[in-house]
Amino acid sequence: MELDRYDKQILEILTHEDINLNELSERINLSVSSVHRRIKHLIETDIMTNLKRDINYEKLGFKLHVILQVSLSKHDTDTFAKFLEELENIPEVINAFLVTGQSADFLVEVVAKDMENYSEILLKRIGKIEFVVALHSSFVIKEYNVFNCSGLLSRV
């Protein structure tokens, strides 16, 4: 899909800022209805998945942010589907990625209130999922939003 300068501006702004349609419309000099139509089209064509707002989990009491490497004993689509279905039942799991080139099969993003809460999530829930054979936790110290899509969008 060919992106014009307005689509690129919309993506650039929404990547970095939480603004409403009126503000976005003013910034790129398009009507609110045009901006809405463009965003809808970007979502329908899977360029944007949605207008998800980031949640500050720490403000909600989740002080630990963990990237969990998970290795499974079987490597087929049914096993992966079952694993992901189990993860969906764990509200502290906020994201999951099937990866290659690692010793793990999945990277799972988890938030927890404290170490005791994380231990319960890890040992009593994720660790009990069928086919899980290894878990390795990395605790996030600080998150940096370094994504700058303007350079990337200039290549589209």
C-alpha atoms as a PDB file:
ATOM      1  CA  MET A   1       0.000   0.000   0.000  1.00  0.00           C
ATOM      2  CA  GLU A   2       1.269   3.447  -0.905  1.00  0.00           C
ATOM      3  CA  LEU A   3       1.269   5.920   1.992  1.00  0.00           C
ATOM      4  CA  ASP A   4       0.945   9.611   1.246  1.00  0.00           C
ATOM      5  CA  ARG A   5       2.386  12.373   3.411  1.00  0.00           C
ATOM      6  CA  TYR A   6      -0.800  12.626   5.523  1.00  0.00           C
ATOM      7  CA  ASP A   7      -0.791   8.902   6.333  1.00  0.00           C
ATOM      8  CA  LYS A   8       2.878   9.147   7.282  1.00  0.00           C
ATOM      9  CA  GLN A   9       2.212  12.189   9.482  1.00  0.00           C
ATOM     10  CA  ILE A  10      -0.659  10.375  11.213  1.00  0.00           C
ATOM     11  CA  LEU A  11       1.521   7.341  11.925  1.00  0.00           C
ATOM     12  CA  GLU A  12       4.439   9.471  13.124  1.00  0.00           C
ATOM     13  CA  ILE A  13       2.302  11.513  15.510  1.00  0.00           C
ATOM     14  CA  LEU A  14       0.302   8.577  16.889  1.00  0.00           C
ATOM     15  CA  THR A  15       3.503   6.626  17.497  1.00  0.00           C
ATOM     16  CA  HIS A  16       4.717   9.254  19.945  1.00  0.00           C
ATOM     17  CA  GLU A  17       1.697  11.127  21.234  1.00  0.00           C
ATOM     18  CA  ASP A  18      -1.676  10.466  22.770  1.00  0.00           C
ATOM     19  CA  ILE A  19      -3.813  13.094  21.057  1.00  0.00           C
ATOM     20  CA  ASN A  20      -7.446  13.243  19.994  1.00  0.00           C
ATOM     21  CA  LEU A  21      -8.763  13.513  16.446  1.00  0.00           C
ATOM     22  CA  ASN A  22      -9.341  17.264  16.678  1.00  0.00           C
ATOM     23  CA  GLU A  23      -5.732  17.938  17.690  1.00  0.00           C
ATOM     24  CA  LEU A  24      -4.411  15.546  15.063  1.00  0.00           C
ATOM     25  CA  SER A  25      -6.595  17.179  12.424  1.00  0.00           C
ATOM     26  CA  GLU A  26      -5.252  20.629  13.273  1.00  0.00           C
ATOM     27  CA  ARG A  27      -1.633  19.450  13.286  1.00  0.00           C
ATOM     28  CA  ILE A  28      -1.750  17.964   9.797  1.00  0.00           C
ATOM     29  CA  ASN A  29      -4.246  20.444   8.311  1.00  0.00           C
ATOM     30  CA  LEU A  30      -6.959  17.934   7.383  1.00  0.00           C
ATOM     31  CA  SER A  31     -10.589  17.773   8.457  1.00  0.00           C
ATOM     32  CA  VAL A  32     -11.506  15.563  11.392  1.00  0.00           C
ATOM     33  CA  SER A  33     -13.578  13.322   9.103  1.00  0.00           C
ATOM     34  CA  SER A  34     -10.613  12.906   6.703  1.00  0.00           C
ATOM     35  CA  VAL A  35      -8.284  12.016   9.561  1.00  0.00           C
ATOM     36  CA  HIS A  36     -10.835   9.551  10.928  1.00  0.00           C
ATOM     37  CA  ARG A  37     -11.249   7.958   7.484  1.00  0.00           C
ATOM     38  CA  ARG A  38      -7.493   7.641   7.064  1.00  0.00           C
ATOM     39  CA  ILE A  39      -7.026   6.064  10.498  1.00  0.00           C
ATOM     40  CA  LYS A  40      -9.859   3.649   9.787  1.00  0.00           C
ATOM     41  CA  HIS A  41      -8.201   2.717   6.482  1.00  0.00           C
ATOM     42  CA  LEU A  42      -4.802   2.232   8.173  1.00  0.00           C
ATOM     43  CA  ILE A  43      -6.458  -0.128  10.662  1.00  0.00           C
ATOM     44  CA  GLU A  44      -8.435  -2.018   7.989  1.00  0.00           C
ATOM     45  CA  THR A  45      -5.269  -2.562   5.940  1.00  0.00           C
ATOM     46  CA  ASP A  46      -3.405  -3.799   9.058  1.00  0.00           C
ATOM     47  CA  ILE A  47      -0.832  -1.002   8.960  1.00  0.00           C
ATOM     48  CA  MET A  48      -2.119   0.001  12.404  1.00  0.00           C
ATOM     49  CA  THR A  49      -3.655  -2.633  14.627  1.00  0.00           C
ATOM     50  CA  ASN A  50      -5.765  -0.241  16.662  1.00  0.00           C
ATOM     51  CA  LEU A  51      -5.636   2.960  18.651  1.00  0.00           C
ATOM     52  CA  LYS A  52      -4.494   1.209  21.799  1.00  0.00           C
ATOM     53  CA  ARG A  53      -3.577   3.584  24.590  1.00  0.00           C
ATOM     54  CA  ASP A  54      -0.575   2.694  26.669  1.00  0.00           C
ATOM     55  CA  ILE A  55      -1.366   1.839  30.264  1.00  0.00           C
ATOM     56  CA  ASN A  56       0.970   2.930  33.033  1.00  0.00           C
ATOM     57  CA  TYR A  57       0.945  -0.335  34.980  1.00  0.00           C
ATOM     58  CA  GLU A  58       3.212   1.077  37.692  1.00  0.00           C
ATOM     59  CA  LYS A  59       0.576   3.693  38.577  1.00  0.00           C
ATOM     60  CA  LEU A  60      -1.879   0.796  38.976  1.00  0.00           C
ATOM     61  CA  GLY A  61       0.406  -0.880  41.522  1.00  0.00           C
ATOM     62  CA  PHE A  62       2.326  -3.256  39.233  1.00  0.00           C
ATOM     63  CA  LYS A  63       5.880  -2.393  40.244  1.00  0.00           C
ATOM     64  CA  LEU A  64       7.633  -5.235  38.388  1.00  0.00           C
ATOM     65  CA  HIS A  65       7.887  -5.400  34.602  1.00  0.00           C
ATOM     66  CA  VAL A  66       9.383  -8.670  33.375  1.00  0.00           C
ATOM     67  CA  ILE A  67      10.423 -10.118  30.036  1.00  0.00           C
ATOM     68  CA  LEU A  68      10.081 -13.859  30.466  1.00  0.00           C
ATOM     69  CA  GLN A  69      11.766 -16.286  28.098  1.00  0.00           C
ATOM     70  CA  VAL A  70       9.718 -19.469  27.781  1.00  0.00           C
ATOM     71  CA  SER A  71      10.904 -22.693  26.169  1.00  0.00           C
ATOM     72  CA  LEU A  72       8.432 -25.392  25.179  1.00  0.00           C
ATOM     73  CA  SER A  73       9.076 -29.116  24.727  1.00  0.00           C
ATOM     74  CA  LYS A  74       7.099 -29.319  21.476  1.00  0.00           C
ATOM     75  CA  HIS A  75       7.284 -27.011  18.499  1.00  0.00           C
ATOM     76  CA  ASP A  76       4.097 -27.181  16.485  1.00  0.00           C
ATOM     77  CA  THR A  77       1.153 -24.891  15.863  1.00  0.00           C
ATOM     78  CA  ASP A  78      -1.193 -26.821  18.166  1.00  0.00           C
ATOM     79  CA  THR A  79       1.237 -26.586  21.086  1.00  0.00           C
ATOM     80  CA  PHE A  80       1.803 -22.882  20.458  1.00  0.00           C
ATOM     81  CA  ALA A  81      -1.952 -22.281  20.240  1.00  0.00           C
ATOM     82  CA  LYS A  82      -2.590 -24.122  23.524  1.00  0.00           C
ATOM     83  CA  PHE A  83       0.205 -22.204  25.233  1.00  0.00           C
ATOM     84  CA  LEU A  84      -1.171 -18.851  24.042  1.00  0.00           C
ATOM     85  CA  GLU A  85      -4.688 -19.851  25.112  1.00  0.00           C
ATOM     86  CA  GLU A  86      -3.379 -20.527  28.623  1.00  0.00           C
ATOM     87  CA  LEU A  87      -1.548 -17.191  28.672  1.00  0.00           C
ATOM     88  CA  GLU A  88      -4.802 -15.391  27.840  1.00  0.00           C
ATOM     89  CA  ASN A  89      -6.138 -16.586  31.207  1.00  0.00           C
ATOM     90  CA  ILE A  90      -3.331 -14.841  33.085  1.00  0.00           C
ATOM     91  CA  PRO A  91      -4.237 -11.143  33.313  1.00  0.00           C
ATOM     92  CA  GLU A  92      -0.709 -10.094  34.275  1.00  0.00           C
ATOM     93  CA  VAL A  93       0.536 -11.255  30.863  1.00  0.00           C
ATOM     94  CA  ILE A  94       0.371  -8.163  28.683  1.00  0.00           C
ATOM     95  CA  ASN A  95       2.161  -9.360  25.548  1.00  0.00           C
ATOM     96  CA  ALA A  96       3.718 -12.430  23.958  1.00  0.00           C
ATOM     97  CA  PHE A  97       6.043 -12.923  21.009  1.00  0.00           C
ATOM     98  CA  LEU A  98       6.923 -16.144  19.183  1.00  0.00           C
ATOM     99  CA  VAL A  99      10.640 -15.759  18.449  1.00  0.00           C
ATOM    100  CA  THR A 100      13.485 -17.465  16.690  1.00  0.00           C
ATOM    101  CA  GLY A 101      17.220 -17.208  17.184  1.00  0.00           C
ATOM    102  CA  GLN A 102      16.878 -17.476  20.966  1.00  0.00           C
ATOM    103  CA  SER A 103      17.087 -20.379  23.354  1.00  0.00           C
ATOM    104  CA  ALA A 104      13.415 -19.599  24.097  1.00  0.00           C
ATOM    105  CA  ASP A 105      10.348 -20.078  21.933  1.00  0.00           C
ATOM    106  CA  PHE A 106       8.387 -17.151  23.377  1.00  0.00           C
ATOM    107  CA  LEU A 107       9.164 -13.834  24.980  1.00  0.00           C
ATOM    108  CA  VAL A 108       6.331 -13.037  27.366  1.00  0.00           C
ATOM    109  CA  GLU A 109       5.819  -9.604  28.880  1.00  0.00           C
ATOM    110  CA  VAL A 110       4.493  -9.771  32.431  1.00  0.00           C
ATOM    111  CA  VAL A 111       3.643  -7.191  35.089  1.00  0.00           C
ATOM    112  CA  ALA A 112       3.411  -7.974  38.793  1.00  0.00           C
ATOM    113  CA  LYS A 113       2.725  -6.072  41.993  1.00  0.00           C
ATOM    114  CA  ASP A 114       5.858  -7.351  43.733  1.00  0.00           C
ATOM    115  CA  MET A 115       8.272 -10.298  43.807  1.00  0.00           C
ATOM    116  CA  GLU A 116       5.867 -12.482  45.762  1.00  0.00           C
ATOM    117  CA  ASN A 117       3.123 -11.837  43.204  1.00  0.00           C
ATOM    118  CA  TYR A 118       5.548 -12.550  40.327  1.00  0.00           C
ATOM    119  CA  SER A 119       6.710 -15.754  41.974  1.00  0.00           C
ATOM    120  CA  GLU A 120       3.096 -16.951  42.138  1.00  0.00           C
ATOM    121  CA  ILE A 121       2.507 -16.049  38.468  1.00  0.00           C
ATOM    122  CA  LEU A 122       5.726 -17.750  37.395  1.00  0.00           C
ATOM    123  CA  LEU A 123       5.645 -20.908  39.476  1.00  0.00           C
ATOM    124  CA  LYS A 124       1.948 -21.603  39.965  1.00  0.00           C
ATOM    125  CA  ARG A 125       0.542 -20.431  36.653  1.00  0.00           C
ATOM    126  CA  ILE A 126       2.985 -20.055  33.745  1.00  0.00           C
ATOM    127  CA  GLY A 127       5.296 -22.805  34.992  1.00  0.00           C
ATOM    128  CA  LYS A 128       2.351 -25.214  35.232  1.00  0.00           C
ATOM    129  CA  ILE A 129       1.313 -24.797  31.577  1.00  0.00           C
ATOM    130  CA  GLU A 130       1.697 -28.028  29.625  1.00  0.00           C
ATOM    131  CA  PHE A 131       4.883 -28.295  27.515  1.00  0.00           C
ATOM    132  CA  VAL A 132       6.724 -25.491  29.390  1.00  0.00           C
ATOM    133  CA  VAL A 133      10.226 -26.790  30.065  1.00  0.00           C
ATOM    134  CA  ALA A 134      12.292 -23.695  30.865  1.00  0.00           C
ATOM    135  CA  LEU A 135      11.687 -20.166  32.134  1.00  0.00           C
ATOM    136  CA  HIS A 136      14.157 -17.289  32.329  1.00  0.00           C
ATOM    137  CA  SER A 137      13.175 -13.909  33.772  1.00  0.00           C
ATOM    138  CA  SER A 138      14.695 -10.548  32.878  1.00  0.00           C
ATOM    139  CA  PHE A 139      13.516  -7.618  34.948  1.00  0.00           C
ATOM    140  CA  VAL A 140      13.019  -4.315  33.163  1.00  0.00           C
ATOM    141  CA  ILE A 141      14.932  -1.553  34.908  1.00  0.00           C
ATOM    142  CA  LYS A 142      13.839   1.308  32.677  1.00  0.00           C
ATOM    143  CA  GLU A 143      11.868   1.514  29.458  1.00  0.00           C
ATOM    144  CA  TYR A 144      12.964   3.830  26.655  1.00  0.00           C
ATOM    145  CA  ASN A 145      10.741   4.779  23.749  1.00  0.00           C
ATOM    146  CA  VAL A 146      13.391   5.162  21.049  1.00  0.00           C
ATOM    147  CA  PHE A 147      11.219   4.272  18.088  1.00  0.00           C
ATOM    148  CA  ASN A 148      11.369   7.005  15.496  1.00  0.00           C
ATOM    149  CA  CYS A 149       9.182   5.992  12.616  1.00  0.00           C
ATOM    150  CA  SER A 150       9.813   9.126  10.532  1.00  0.00           C
ATOM    151  CA  GLY A 151      13.056   7.641   9.221  1.00  0.00           C
ATOM    152  CA  LEU A 152      11.349   4.351   8.558  1.00  0.00           C
ATOM    153  CA  LEU A 153       8.324   5.962   6.924  1.00  0.00           C
ATOM    154  CA  SER A 154      10.598   7.907   4.575  1.00  0.00           C
ATOM    155  CA  ARG A 155      11.596   4.548   3.093  1.00  0.00           C
ATOM    156  CA  VAL A 156       7.980   3.601   2.278  1.00  0.00           C
END
